[in-house]
Amino acid sequence: MSDINLKITGMTCGHCVRAVTKALEGVPGVEKADVTLTPGEAVVHGQASTAALIAAVKEEGYEAEVRG
């Protein structure tokens, strides 16, 4: 299992955090997603493609990019 760190933009409240968490955890290969409102980050645990993770976040109306 590996961790993928994402920067998430567009979240403004707890509902946003729950929506992004649910979206990320729905991607095949994701064991768990830890999403924080401030500073707008997600740590995804598991084996999933970054493209699929970013697409899932975008489907919810937010932006995501891999943190280096």
PDB file of N, CA and C in Angstrom:
ATOM      1  N   MET A   1       0.856  -1.185   0.000  1.00  0.00           N
ATOM      2  CA  MET A   1       0.000   0.000   0.000  1.00  0.00           C
ATOM      3  C   MET A   1       0.894   1.237   0.000  1.00  0.00           C
ATOM      4  N   SER A   2       0.496   2.228  -0.754  1.00  0.00           N
ATOM      5  CA  SER A   2       1.259   3.471  -0.802  1.00  0.00           C
ATOM      6  C   SER A   2       0.331   4.646  -0.563  1.00  0.00           C
ATOM      7  N   ASP A   3       0.921   5.789  -0.299  1.00  0.00           N
ATOM      8  CA  ASP A   3       0.153   7.006  -0.067  1.00  0.00           C
ATOM      9  C   ASP A   3       0.321   7.946  -1.251  1.00  0.00           C
ATOM     10  N   ILE A   4      -0.777   8.571  -1.647  1.00  0.00           N
ATOM     11  CA  ILE A   4      -0.755   9.595  -2.680  1.00  0.00           C
ATOM     12  C   ILE A   4      -1.267  10.874  -2.043  1.00  0.00           C
ATOM     13  N   ASN A   5      -0.476  11.928  -2.133  1.00  0.00           N
ATOM     14  CA  ASN A   5      -0.839  13.221  -1.556  1.00  0.00           C
ATOM     15  C   ASN A   5      -1.399  14.130  -2.645  1.00  0.00           C
ATOM     16  N   LEU A   6      -2.588  14.646  -2.380  1.00  0.00           N
ATOM     17  CA  LEU A   6      -3.233  15.530  -3.340  1.00  0.00           C
ATOM     18  C   LEU A   6      -3.510  16.890  -2.718  1.00  0.00           C
ATOM     19  N   LYS A   7      -3.385  17.927  -3.519  1.00  0.00           N
ATOM     20  CA  LYS A   7      -3.836  19.262  -3.124  1.00  0.00           C
ATOM     21  C   LYS A   7      -5.233  19.408  -3.699  1.00  0.00           C
ATOM     22  N   ILE A   8      -6.198  19.752  -2.859  1.00  0.00           N
ATOM     23  CA  ILE A   8      -7.589  19.904  -3.278  1.00  0.00           C
ATOM     24  C   ILE A   8      -7.968  21.377  -3.150  1.00  0.00           C
ATOM     25  N   THR A   9      -8.524  21.945  -4.203  1.00  0.00           N
ATOM     26  CA  THR A   9      -8.986  23.328  -4.138  1.00  0.00           C
ATOM     27  C   THR A   9     -10.481  23.383  -4.398  1.00  0.00           C
ATOM     28  N   GLY A  10     -11.113  24.369  -3.783  1.00  0.00           N
ATOM     29  CA  GLY A  10     -12.541  24.572  -3.964  1.00  0.00           C
ATOM     30  C   GLY A  10     -13.387  24.142  -2.782  1.00  0.00           C
ATOM     31  N   MET A  11     -12.781  23.474  -1.796  1.00  0.00           N
ATOM     32  CA  MET A  11     -13.544  23.051  -0.614  1.00  0.00           C
ATOM     33  C   MET A  11     -13.713  24.237   0.328  1.00  0.00           C
ATOM     34  N   THR A  12     -14.940  24.394   0.863  1.00  0.00           N
ATOM     35  CA  THR A  12     -15.199  25.516   1.761  1.00  0.00           C
ATOM     36  C   THR A  12     -15.833  25.103   3.082  1.00  0.00           C
ATOM     37  N   CYS A  13     -16.223  23.810   3.218  1.00  0.00           N
ATOM     38  CA  CYS A  13     -16.936  23.407   4.432  1.00  0.00           C
ATOM     39  C   CYS A  13     -16.802  21.907   4.666  1.00  0.00           C
ATOM     40  N   GLY A  14     -17.380  21.455   5.765  1.00  0.00           N
ATOM     41  CA  GLY A  14     -17.350  20.039   6.112  1.00  0.00           C
ATOM     42  C   GLY A  14     -18.051  19.167   5.086  1.00  0.00           C
ATOM     43  N   HIS A  15     -19.116  19.692   4.482  1.00  0.00           N
ATOM     44  CA  HIS A  15     -19.817  18.932   3.451  1.00  0.00           C
ATOM     45  C   HIS A  15     -18.882  18.665   2.271  1.00  0.00           C
ATOM     46  N   CYS A  16     -18.085  19.655   1.907  1.00  0.00           N
ATOM     47  CA  CYS A  16     -17.113  19.497   0.829  1.00  0.00           C
ATOM     48  C   CYS A  16     -16.124  18.377   1.162  1.00  0.00           C
ATOM     49  N   VAL A  17     -15.644  18.376   2.393  1.00  0.00           N
ATOM     50  CA  VAL A  17     -14.688  17.363   2.827  1.00  0.00           C
ATOM     51  C   VAL A  17     -15.317  15.977   2.713  1.00  0.00           C
ATOM     52  N   ARG A  18     -16.557  15.840   3.151  1.00  0.00           N
ATOM     53  CA  ARG A  18     -17.233  14.537   3.076  1.00  0.00           C
ATOM     54  C   ARG A  18     -17.439  14.108   1.630  1.00  0.00           C
ATOM     55  N   ALA A  19     -17.800  15.041   0.764  1.00  0.00           N
ATOM     56  CA  ALA A  19     -18.016  14.720  -0.646  1.00  0.00           C
ATOM     57  C   ALA A  19     -16.723  14.248  -1.314  1.00  0.00           C
ATOM     58  N   VAL A  20     -15.631  14.930  -1.039  1.00  0.00           N
ATOM     59  CA  VAL A  20     -14.348  14.549  -1.624  1.00  0.00           C
ATOM     60  C   VAL A  20     -13.887  13.214  -1.054  1.00  0.00           C
ATOM     61  N   THR A  21     -14.061  13.020   0.243  1.00  0.00           N
ATOM     62  CA  THR A  21     -13.682  11.749   0.866  1.00  0.00           C
ATOM     63  C   THR A  21     -14.445  10.594   0.231  1.00  0.00           C
ATOM     64  N   LYS A  22     -15.745  10.751   0.098  1.00  0.00           N
ATOM     65  CA  LYS A  22     -16.582   9.705  -0.492  1.00  0.00           C
ATOM     66  C   LYS A  22     -16.167   9.425  -1.937  1.00  0.00           C
ATOM     67  N   ALA A  23     -15.895  10.471  -2.690  1.00  0.00           N
ATOM     68  CA  ALA A  23     -15.475  10.310  -4.085  1.00  0.00           C
ATOM     69  C   ALA A  23     -14.162   9.545  -4.178  1.00  0.00           C
ATOM     70  N   LEU A  24     -13.193   9.924  -3.347  1.00  0.00           N
ATOM     71  CA  LEU A  24     -11.891   9.259  -3.374  1.00  0.00           C
ATOM     72  C   LEU A  24     -12.001   7.803  -2.930  1.00  0.00           C
ATOM     73  N   GLU A  25     -12.785   7.553  -1.885  1.00  0.00           N
ATOM     74  CA  GLU A  25     -12.909   6.188  -1.386  1.00  0.00           C
ATOM     75  C   GLU A  25     -13.705   5.300  -2.338  1.00  0.00           C
ATOM     76  N   GLY A  26     -14.390   5.901  -3.312  1.00  0.00           N
ATOM     77  CA  GLY A  26     -15.106   5.135  -4.316  1.00  0.00           C
ATOM     78  C   GLY A  26     -14.241   4.683  -5.486  1.00  0.00           C
ATOM     79  N   VAL A  27     -13.007   5.164  -5.538  1.00  0.00           N
ATOM     80  CA  VAL A  27     -12.093   4.784  -6.613  1.00  0.00           C
ATOM     81  C   VAL A  27     -11.514   3.396  -6.300  1.00  0.00           C
ATOM     82  N   PRO A  28     -11.551   2.483  -7.272  1.00  0.00           N
ATOM     83  CA  PRO A  28     -10.990   1.146  -7.034  1.00  0.00           C
ATOM     84  C   PRO A  28      -9.531   1.207  -6.597  1.00  0.00           C
ATOM     85  N   GLY A  29      -9.214   0.441  -5.569  1.00  0.00           N
ATOM     86  CA  GLY A  29      -7.852   0.386  -5.049  1.00  0.00           C
ATOM     87  C   GLY A  29      -7.607   1.274  -3.850  1.00  0.00           C
ATOM     88  N   VAL A  30      -8.552   2.163  -3.536  1.00  0.00           N
ATOM     89  CA  VAL A  30      -8.381   3.061  -2.391  1.00  0.00           C
ATOM     90  C   VAL A  30      -8.850   2.348  -1.128  1.00  0.00           C
ATOM     91  N   GLU A  31      -7.961   2.283  -0.144  1.00  0.00           N
ATOM     92  CA  GLU A  31      -8.292   1.701   1.157  1.00  0.00           C
ATOM     93  C   GLU A  31      -8.951   2.736   2.061  1.00  0.00           C
ATOM     94  N   LYS A  32      -8.403   3.963   2.027  1.00  0.00           N
ATOM     95  CA  LYS A  32      -8.883   5.035   2.901  1.00  0.00           C
ATOM     96  C   LYS A  32      -8.403   6.370   2.345  1.00  0.00           C
ATOM     97  N   ALA A  33      -9.206   7.405   2.559  1.00  0.00           N
ATOM     98  CA  ALA A  33      -8.806   8.762   2.164  1.00  0.00           C
ATOM     99  C   ALA A  33      -8.970   9.684   3.365  1.00  0.00           C
ATOM    100  N   ASP A  34      -7.916  10.402   3.700  1.00  0.00           N
ATOM    101  CA  ASP A  34      -7.942  11.390   4.774  1.00  0.00           C
ATOM    102  C   ASP A  34      -7.921  12.770   4.136  1.00  0.00           C
ATOM    103  N   VAL A  35      -9.048  13.480   4.237  1.00  0.00           N
ATOM    104  CA  VAL A  35      -9.189  14.787   3.598  1.00  0.00           C
ATOM    105  C   VAL A  35      -9.299  15.855   4.678  1.00  0.00           C
ATOM    106  N   THR A  36      -8.543  16.939   4.519  1.00  0.00           N
ATOM    107  CA  THR A  36      -8.606  18.051   5.467  1.00  0.00           C
ATOM    108  C   THR A  36      -8.973  19.334   4.731  1.00  0.00           C
ATOM    109  N   LEU A  37      -9.850  20.102   5.350  1.00  0.00           N
ATOM    110  CA  LEU A  37     -10.306  21.361   4.758  1.00  0.00           C
ATOM    111  C   LEU A  37      -9.182  22.381   4.687  1.00  0.00           C
ATOM    112  N   THR A  38      -8.481  22.529   5.793  1.00  0.00           N
ATOM    113  CA  THR A  38      -7.357  23.452   5.844  1.00  0.00           C
ATOM    114  C   THR A  38      -6.103  22.644   6.105  1.00  0.00           C
ATOM    115  N   PRO A  39      -5.188  22.587   5.204  1.00  0.00           N
ATOM    116  CA  PRO A  39      -4.941  23.462   4.063  1.00  0.00           C
ATOM    117  C   PRO A  39      -5.439  22.937   2.713  1.00  0.00           C
ATOM    118  N   GLY A  40      -6.448  22.109   2.677  1.00  0.00           N
ATOM    119  CA  GLY A  40      -6.971  21.601   1.415  1.00  0.00           C
ATOM    120  C   GLY A  40      -6.128  20.474   0.858  1.00  0.00           C
ATOM    121  N   GLU A  41      -6.041  19.403   1.637  1.00  0.00           N
ATOM    122  CA  GLU A  41      -5.206  18.277   1.251  1.00  0.00           C
ATOM    123  C   GLU A  41      -5.974  16.974   1.379  1.00  0.00           C
ATOM    124  N   ALA A  42      -5.471  15.971   0.668  1.00  0.00           N
ATOM    125  CA  ALA A  42      -5.982  14.612   0.820  1.00  0.00           C
ATOM    126  C   ALA A  42      -4.796  13.662   0.785  1.00  0.00           C
ATOM    127  N   VAL A  43      -4.800  12.701   1.698  1.00  0.00           N
ATOM    128  CA  VAL A  43      -3.825  11.625   1.669  1.00  0.00           C
ATOM    129  C   VAL A  43      -4.627  10.367   1.392  1.00  0.00           C
ATOM    130  N   VAL A  44      -4.324   9.741   0.263  1.00  0.00           N
ATOM    131  CA  VAL A  44      -5.060   8.565  -0.164  1.00  0.00           C
ATOM    132  C   VAL A  44      -4.179   7.344   0.071  1.00  0.00           C
ATOM    133  N   HIS A  45      -4.714   6.377   0.812  1.00  0.00           N
ATOM    134  CA  HIS A  45      -3.989   5.148   1.124  1.00  0.00           C
ATOM    135  C   HIS A  45      -4.516   4.031   0.227  1.00  0.00           C
ATOM    136  N   GLY A  46      -3.598   3.334  -0.429  1.00  0.00           N
ATOM    137  CA  GLY A  46      -4.004   2.231  -1.285  1.00  0.00           C
ATOM    138  C   GLY A  46      -3.259   2.257  -2.598  1.00  0.00           C
ATOM    139  N   GLN A  47      -3.792   1.514  -3.554  1.00  0.00           N
ATOM    140  CA  GLN A  47      -3.202   1.416  -4.886  1.00  0.00           C
ATOM    141  C   GLN A  47      -4.229   1.896  -5.898  1.00  0.00           C
ATOM    142  N   ALA A  48      -4.164   3.133  -6.269  1.00  0.00           N
ATOM    143  CA  ALA A  48      -5.096   3.696  -7.258  1.00  0.00           C
ATOM    144  C   ALA A  48      -4.319   4.620  -8.178  1.00  0.00           C
ATOM    145  N   SER A  49      -4.803   4.770  -9.399  1.00  0.00           N
ATOM    146  CA  SER A  49      -4.116   5.665 -10.327  1.00  0.00           C
ATOM    147  C   SER A  49      -4.423   7.114  -9.952  1.00  0.00           C
ATOM    148  N   THR A  50      -3.425   7.959 -10.088  1.00  0.00           N
ATOM    149  CA  THR A  50      -3.635   9.371  -9.769  1.00  0.00           C
ATOM    150  C   THR A  50      -4.655   9.987 -10.712  1.00  0.00           C
ATOM    151  N   ALA A  51      -4.675   9.537 -11.957  1.00  0.00           N
ATOM    152  CA  ALA A  51      -5.643  10.071 -12.915  1.00  0.00           C
ATOM    153  C   ALA A  51      -7.068   9.774 -12.463  1.00  0.00           C
ATOM    154  N   ALA A  52      -7.304   8.572 -11.957  1.00  0.00           N
ATOM    155  CA  ALA A  52      -8.644   8.206 -11.484  1.00  0.00           C
ATOM    156  C   ALA A  52      -9.027   9.016 -10.256  1.00  0.00           C
ATOM    157  N   LEU A  53      -8.074   9.268  -9.373  1.00  0.00           N
ATOM    158  CA  LEU A  53      -8.344  10.056  -8.169  1.00  0.00           C
ATOM    159  C   LEU A  53      -8.698  11.498  -8.540  1.00  0.00           C
ATOM    160  N   ILE A  54      -7.919  12.083  -9.417  1.00  0.00           N
ATOM    161  CA  ILE A  54      -8.166  13.463  -9.843  1.00  0.00           C
ATOM    162  C   ILE A  54      -9.516  13.566 -10.556  1.00  0.00           C
ATOM    163  N   ALA A  55      -9.828  12.577 -11.390  1.00  0.00           N
ATOM    164  CA  ALA A  55     -11.109  12.574 -12.102  1.00  0.00           C
ATOM    165  C   ALA A  55     -12.279  12.488 -11.124  1.00  0.00           C
ATOM    166  N   ALA A  56     -12.147  11.670 -10.080  1.00  0.00           N
ATOM    167  CA  ALA A  56     -13.218  11.523  -9.088  1.00  0.00           C
ATOM    168  C   ALA A  56     -13.467  12.835  -8.353  1.00  0.00           C
ATOM    169  N   VAL A  57     -12.385  13.541  -8.013  1.00  0.00           N
ATOM    170  CA  VAL A  57     -12.515  14.837  -7.333  1.00  0.00           C
ATOM    171  C   VAL A  57     -13.173  15.852  -8.264  1.00  0.00           C
ATOM    172  N   LYS A  58     -12.756  15.875  -9.512  1.00  0.00           N
ATOM    173  CA  LYS A  58     -13.320  16.822 -10.479  1.00  0.00           C
ATOM    174  C   LYS A  58     -14.803  16.563 -10.718  1.00  0.00           C
ATOM    175  N   GLU A  59     -15.217  15.298 -10.695  1.00  0.00           N
ATOM    176  CA  GLU A  59     -16.637  14.966 -10.863  1.00  0.00           C
ATOM    177  C   GLU A  59     -17.491  15.569  -9.758  1.00  0.00           C
ATOM    178  N   GLU A  60     -16.891  15.770  -8.589  1.00  0.00           N
ATOM    179  CA  GLU A  60     -17.606  16.379  -7.464  1.00  0.00           C
ATOM    180  C   GLU A  60     -17.572  17.907  -7.517  1.00  0.00           C
ATOM    181  N   GLY A  61     -16.838  18.466  -8.480  1.00  0.00           N
ATOM    182  CA  GLY A  61     -16.807  19.915  -8.646  1.00  0.00           C
ATOM    183  C   GLY A  61     -15.621  20.613  -8.007  1.00  0.00           C
ATOM    184  N   TYR A  62     -14.590  19.861  -7.665  1.00  0.00           N
ATOM    185  CA  TYR A  62     -13.395  20.423  -7.045  1.00  0.00           C
ATOM    186  C   TYR A  62     -12.200  20.167  -7.943  1.00  0.00           C
ATOM    187  N   GLU A  63     -11.093  20.793  -7.640  1.00  0.00           N
ATOM    188  CA  GLU A  63      -9.856  20.588  -8.412  1.00  0.00           C
ATOM    189  C   GLU A  63      -8.862  19.837  -7.544  1.00  0.00           C
ATOM    190  N   ALA A  64      -8.039  19.018  -8.196  1.00  0.00           N
ATOM    191  CA  ALA A  64      -7.030  18.247  -7.484  1.00  0.00           C
ATOM    192  C   ALA A  64      -5.760  18.172  -8.312  1.00  0.00           C
ATOM    193  N   GLU A  65      -4.640  18.133  -7.618  1.00  0.00           N
ATOM    194  CA  GLU A  65      -3.347  17.917  -8.269  1.00  0.00           C
ATOM    195  C   GLU A  65      -2.454  17.179  -7.290  1.00  0.00           C
ATOM    196  N   VAL A  66      -1.516  16.445  -7.836  1.00  0.00           N
ATOM    197  CA  VAL A  66      -0.593  15.677  -7.002  1.00  0.00           C
ATOM    198  C   VAL A  66       0.379  16.636  -6.336  1.00  0.00           C
ATOM    199  N   ARG A  67       0.568  16.420  -5.041  1.00  0.00           N
ATOM    200  CA  ARG A  67       1.561  17.207  -4.290  1.00  0.00           C
ATOM    201  C   ARG A  67       2.881  16.497  -4.392  1.00  0.00           C
ATOM    202  N   GLY A  68       3.925  17.267  -4.640  1.00  0.00           N
ATOM    203  CA  GLY A  68       5.259  16.684  -4.791  1.00  0.00           C
ATOM    204  C   GLY A  68       5.968  16.422  -3.517  1.00  0.00           C
TER     205      GLY A  68
END
